[in-house]
Structures are given as structure tokens and as C-alpha cells.
Protein backbone atom coordinates (compact mmCIF):
# COMPACT_ATOMS: atom_id res chain seq x y z
CA MET A 1 95.58 128.42 96.64
CA ARG A 2 97.26 125.54 98.35
CA ALA A 3 96.86 121.98 97.21
CA PHE A 4 95.40 119.52 99.67
CA ASP A 5 96.88 116.07 100.18
CA GLY A 6 95.91 113.69 97.38
CA GLN A 7 95.05 116.40 94.86
CA HIS A 8 95.91 115.68 91.23
CA SER A 9 98.51 118.45 91.21
CA ASP A 10 100.64 116.69 93.86
CA ASN A 11 103.17 115.42 91.28
CA VAL A 12 102.08 111.83 91.80
CA ALA A 13 102.32 109.34 88.96
CA ILE A 14 99.01 108.47 87.36
CA LYS A 15 98.20 104.82 87.88
CA ARG A 16 97.48 103.07 84.60
CA THR A 17 96.69 99.50 83.72
CA ARG A 18 99.07 97.46 81.58
CA GLU A 19 96.75 97.80 78.58
CA GLN A 20 96.69 101.59 78.94
CA LYS A 21 100.48 101.67 79.15
CA GLU A 22 100.82 99.51 76.01
CA ARG A 23 98.41 101.78 74.12
CA ALA A 24 100.32 104.89 75.24
CA LEU A 25 103.59 103.29 74.13
CA ARG A 26 102.14 102.53 70.68
CA GLU A 27 100.90 106.11 70.37
CA MET A 28 104.29 107.55 71.36
CA LYS A 29 106.06 105.35 68.81
CA GLU A 30 103.61 106.54 66.13
CA GLN A 31 104.25 110.16 67.12
CA LEU A 32 107.99 109.62 66.85
CA ALA A 33 107.61 108.01 63.43
CA THR A 34 105.44 110.85 62.12
CA LEU A 35 107.67 113.69 63.37
CA LYS A 36 108.77 115.99 60.59
CA SER A 37 112.44 116.21 59.79
CA HIS A 38 112.50 119.86 60.86
CA ALA A 39 111.00 119.14 64.31
CA ALA A 40 113.05 120.39 67.24
CA PRO A 41 115.65 117.89 68.40
CA ALA A 42 114.52 118.38 72.00
CA ILE A 43 111.06 117.06 71.12
CA ARG A 44 112.55 113.98 69.47
CA GLU A 45 114.86 113.36 72.45
CA ALA A 46 112.01 113.74 74.94
CA LEU A 47 109.87 111.23 73.02
CA VAL A 48 112.74 108.73 72.80
CA LYS A 49 113.33 109.10 76.55
CA ARG A 50 109.64 108.58 77.40
CA ILE A 51 109.45 105.54 75.11
CA ALA A 52 112.52 104.01 76.80
CA GLU A 53 111.03 104.64 80.26
CA MET A 54 107.69 103.11 79.25
CA GLU A 55 109.36 100.03 77.73
CA ALA A 56 111.41 99.53 80.90
CA ASP A 57 108.26 99.87 82.99
CA LEU A 58 106.45 97.27 80.88
CA LYS A 59 109.39 94.85 81.04
CA ALA A 60 109.47 94.97 84.84
CA PRO A 61 107.40 92.31 86.62
CA PRO A 62 104.06 93.59 87.98
CA LYS A 63 104.00 94.57 91.63
CA SER A 64 102.14 92.27 93.98
CA ASN A 65 99.99 95.18 95.18
CA GLU A 66 98.99 96.15 91.60
CA ARG A 67 96.10 93.66 91.73
CA GLY A 68 94.69 95.34 94.81
CA ASP A 69 95.78 92.71 97.34
CA ARG A 70 95.28 93.97 100.85
CA GLY A 71 96.49 90.90 102.65
CA ASP A 72 94.41 89.85 105.63
CA ARG A 73 93.66 93.44 106.58
CA GLY A 74 90.28 94.98 106.01
CA PRO A 75 89.39 97.38 103.21
CA ARG A 76 90.94 100.28 105.10
CA GLY A 77 94.04 98.45 106.16
CA GLY A 78 93.75 97.78 109.86
CA ASP A 79 92.02 95.69 112.45
CA ARG A 80 89.11 97.99 113.12
CA GLY A 81 86.82 97.83 116.07
CA SER A 82 88.51 95.10 118.09
CA ASP A 83 88.86 97.23 121.23
CA ARG A 84 85.82 99.46 120.80
CA THR A 85 82.56 99.35 122.64
CA GLY A 86 80.46 98.25 119.67
CA GLU A 87 78.86 101.63 119.07
CA ARG A 88 79.06 103.22 115.69
CA GLY A 89 82.40 104.97 115.57
CA GLY A 90 83.37 103.47 118.92
CA PHE A 91 83.52 106.78 120.80
CA ARG A 92 80.74 108.53 122.63
CA ASN A 93 79.95 112.17 122.16
CA PRO A 94 80.27 113.79 125.60
CA ARG A 95 77.45 116.25 124.83
CA ARG A 96 74.91 113.52 124.10
CA GLY A 97 75.21 111.88 127.48
């Protein structure tokens, strides 16, 4: 089956709040601390890499759009209905007459 646009399997980063990121960082650090000495080095390296990426992400200033600012545009992003006839949807169905 093909994925449709916007599906969770589209390899898009999951949007998390700052609190969720901080909690995930704490959990990853705990996992790293509790790894057994005989754990595979690749697992340890992957955890260290993810921790470094998460710390860098948390150090970066928050994006202006993270709060949900949409500027002076409407909820869908454009000036809707300014050149339409006032009907719902703005276009007439030719079959309805």
C-alpha cells in the first residue's frame, strides 16, 4: 500500500513540546547510565549521539512559529472569501441551477 501525504510513516519528525523533549532527554541519560558493561558498543554510540542531538535541540532558541503564530492570516493561512460571491464555498454547482 502507498502512503498518503501526511501519514505518520512519511519520515517526518514528531513535534514535541519542550517539556516532552526534556523528559525524553532524562530518560535517554538514565538508559545510558544503566547500560550493562557487555552491551553492544553500537547501542552505546547511538544513545550518545541521540543525547547530543537532543541537547543541541534544547539549547537552540525556540522557533517563532512553535507557539502557533499565524501572523495576520486566518486559521488556514490565506485571505479567504474576499473575491467570492458570498455563497458557502463561493462556487456554484452547475447542476443545481
